[in-house]
C-alpha cells in the first residue's frame, strides 16, 4: 500500500496541486469543461490535498459560511465537493481519507452536516461513509448526480 498524508492546502503551490488533480480527473478523464470545473467558489473554499511519495494523489474542497450560501444547504451545513483521486491512487483509501479530512474541518468550523452532489456511479462509496441520498437524479456537467447528506457528530 502506498503511504500518503492528507493536509489542508496551504499557499499557492498546494492550491495549484489541487487544481492539477482536478484537471486530470474531471477535465481530462471526464471531459468537464474547464469553465465549469473551476469556479468563483475555489477562492473561498477550504481545500485538502492528499500527497504520496510521488506527489499529489487527490483533493477535495469544503464550502461553508455566508460567501458559499448558494452552494450549501443553509446555515450549519457545508458543501463537500470536487473530490478527485488520480487514476494511480484509486483503491488505496485516498478518497475516504479526503472525505474524513473535510468532515473534520467541517466539525472544526461548527457545521452540523455536510451535503454533496455525487456522481451516481459513486453513490456506494459515499453510502459506505455514512451519506444518504435524497431527491431526484440530476445532471451536472452532463453527468448524472444525486444529492447526499451526512450529519456530523
Protein backbone atom coordinates (compact mmCIF):
# COMPACT_ATOMS: atom_id res chain seq x y z
CA UNK A 1 0.00 0.00 0.00
CA UNK A 2 1.25 3.46 -0.87
CA UNK A 3 1.78 5.74 2.12
CA UNK A 4 0.13 9.14 1.87
CA UNK A 5 -0.83 12.10 4.02
CA UNK A 6 -3.83 14.39 3.80
CA UNK A 7 -3.50 18.03 4.77
CA UNK A 8 -5.21 21.34 4.26
CA UNK A 9 -3.92 23.09 1.18
CA UNK A 10 -1.77 25.99 2.33
CA UNK A 11 -0.46 28.51 -0.14
CA UNK A 12 -0.48 28.81 -3.91
CA UNK A 13 1.62 25.70 -4.61
CA UNK A 14 -0.81 23.43 -2.73
CA UNK A 15 -3.83 25.01 -4.41
CA UNK A 16 -2.20 24.55 -7.81
CA UNK A 17 -1.60 20.88 -6.94
CA UNK A 18 -5.30 20.55 -6.08
CA UNK A 19 -6.24 22.14 -9.41
CA UNK A 20 -3.84 19.85 -11.28
CA UNK A 21 -5.51 16.74 -9.80
CA UNK A 22 -8.96 18.10 -10.62
CA UNK A 23 -7.81 18.92 -14.14
CA UNK A 24 -6.52 15.38 -14.68
CA UNK A 25 -9.65 13.72 -13.28
CA UNK A 26 -12.52 15.99 -14.26
CA UNK A 27 -11.29 17.96 -17.28
CA UNK A 28 -9.20 15.27 -19.00
CA UNK A 29 -10.80 11.96 -17.91
CA UNK A 30 -14.43 13.06 -17.60
CA UNK A 31 -14.33 15.89 -20.15
CA UNK A 32 -15.86 18.50 -17.84
CA UNK A 33 -15.30 21.95 -19.40
CA UNK A 34 -12.66 23.98 -17.53
CA UNK A 35 -15.04 26.92 -17.08
CA UNK A 36 -17.43 24.57 -15.26
CA UNK A 37 -14.79 22.78 -13.18
CA UNK A 38 -13.04 25.87 -11.83
CA UNK A 39 -15.39 28.45 -10.33
CA UNK A 40 -15.51 31.50 -8.09
CA UNK A 41 -16.05 29.27 -5.04
CA UNK A 42 -12.47 27.99 -5.33
CA UNK A 43 -11.24 31.29 -3.89
CA UNK A 44 -13.27 30.91 -0.67
CA UNK A 45 -13.18 27.12 -0.27
CA UNK A 46 -11.15 25.12 2.19
CA UNK A 47 -9.12 22.70 0.05
CA UNK A 48 -7.48 19.46 1.17
CA UNK A 49 -4.69 17.64 -0.59
CA UNK A 50 -3.52 14.02 -0.40
CA UNK A 51 0.17 13.61 -1.13
CA UNK A 52 2.28 10.48 -1.53
CA UNK A 53 5.97 9.89 -2.27
CA UNK A 54 5.40 10.66 -5.97
CA UNK A 55 3.36 13.83 -5.45
CA UNK A 56 -0.33 14.77 -5.31
CA UNK A 57 -2.83 11.89 -5.19
CA UNK A 58 -6.17 13.56 -4.54
CA UNK A 59 -8.07 16.63 -3.47
CA UNK A 60 -11.43 17.93 -2.32
CA UNK A 61 -12.98 21.14 -1.08
CA UNK A 62 -15.40 22.35 1.58
CA UNK A 63 -17.66 25.35 1.15
CA UNK A 64 -19.30 26.97 4.17
CA UNK A 65 -20.27 30.35 5.53
CA UNK A 66 -22.00 33.39 4.05
CA UNK A 67 -19.98 33.53 0.82
CA UNK A 68 -20.92 29.95 -0.02
CA UNK A 69 -24.66 30.04 0.84
CA UNK A 70 -25.72 29.46 -2.78
CA UNK A 71 -23.88 26.11 -2.78
CA UNK A 72 -24.61 24.93 0.75
CA UNK A 73 -27.79 23.60 2.30
CA UNK A 74 -28.07 26.63 4.58
CA UNK A 75 -26.63 27.71 7.92
CA UNK A 76 -24.71 24.94 9.67
CA UNK A 77 -24.43 22.81 6.52
CA UNK A 78 -21.26 22.62 4.47
CA UNK A 79 -20.86 21.54 0.88
CA UNK A 80 -18.23 18.89 0.14
CA UNK A 81 -17.19 18.87 -3.49
CA UNK A 82 -14.59 18.50 -6.20
CA UNK A 83 -13.40 15.22 -4.68
CA UNK A 84 -10.88 13.80 -7.12
CA UNK A 85 -8.34 10.98 -6.84
CA UNK A 86 -5.73 10.31 -9.52
CA UNK A 87 -6.15 7.12 -11.51
CA UNK A 88 -2.96 5.67 -9.99
CA UNK A 89 -4.17 6.23 -6.41
CA UNK A 90 -7.68 4.79 -6.71
CA UNK A 91 -8.39 1.87 -4.41
CA UNK A 92 -5.78 2.95 -1.84
CA UNK A 93 -8.17 4.67 0.58
CA UNK A 94 -7.28 8.17 -0.58
CA UNK A 95 -10.89 9.17 -1.32
CA UNK A 96 -12.17 8.08 2.08
CA UNK A 97 -9.28 9.86 3.82
CA UNK A 98 -10.06 13.07 1.91
CA UNK A 99 -13.75 12.88 2.87
CA UNK A 100 -12.89 12.33 6.53
CA UNK A 101 -10.43 15.26 6.48
CA UNK A 102 -13.12 17.52 5.01
CA UNK A 103 -15.62 16.32 7.61
CA UNK A 104 -13.11 17.02 10.39
CA UNK A 105 -12.65 20.54 9.01
CA UNK A 106 -16.44 20.97 8.88
CA UNK A 107 -16.73 19.98 12.55
CA UNK A 108 -13.96 22.47 13.42
CA UNK A 109 -15.97 25.15 11.59
CA UNK A 110 -19.02 24.34 13.73
CA UNK A 111 -21.06 22.72 10.98
CA UNK A 112 -23.71 20.12 11.80
CA UNK A 113 -23.92 18.37 8.42
CA UNK A 114 -22.26 18.09 5.03
CA UNK A 115 -24.05 17.91 1.69
CA UNK A 116 -22.55 16.79 -1.59
CA UNK A 117 -23.54 16.09 -5.17
CA UNK A 118 -22.32 12.59 -6.00
CA UNK A 119 -21.90 11.18 -9.46
CA UNK A 120 -24.35 8.28 -9.48
CA UNK A 121 -21.59 5.71 -10.07
CA UNK A 122 -20.04 6.85 -6.74
CA UNK A 123 -23.19 6.55 -4.59
CA UNK A 124 -21.98 3.31 -2.97
CA UNK A 125 -18.66 4.92 -2.00
CA UNK A 126 -20.42 7.74 -0.17
CA UNK A 127 -23.04 5.43 1.35
CA UNK A 128 -20.22 3.38 2.90
CA UNK A 129 -19.02 6.63 4.52
CA UNK A 130 -22.44 7.32 6.05
CA UNK A 131 -24.03 9.59 3.43
CA UNK A 132 -27.69 9.25 2.47
CA UNK A 133 -29.06 10.19 -0.95
CA UNK A 134 -32.10 12.42 -1.25
CA UNK A 135 -34.02 13.99 -4.10
CA UNK A 136 -34.11 13.04 -7.74
CA UNK A 137 -31.18 12.38 -10.06
CA UNK A 138 -29.99 15.49 -11.91
CA UNK A 139 -27.31 16.32 -14.49
CA UNK A 140 -24.23 18.32 -13.52
CA UNK A 141 -21.71 18.99 -16.28
CA UNK A 142 -23.61 16.37 -18.31
CA UNK A 143 -23.00 13.66 -15.67
CA UNK A 144 -25.86 12.12 -13.60
CA UNK A 145 -25.70 13.11 -9.91
CA UNK A 146 -27.67 12.69 -6.67
CA UNK A 147 -27.66 14.95 -3.63
CA UNK A 148 -26.40 13.31 -0.43
CA UNK A 149 -26.05 14.40 3.20
CA UNK A 150 -24.32 13.19 6.34
CA UNK A 151 -24.94 14.58 9.81
CA UNK A 152 -21.71 15.29 11.67
CA UNK A 153 -21.00 14.31 15.29
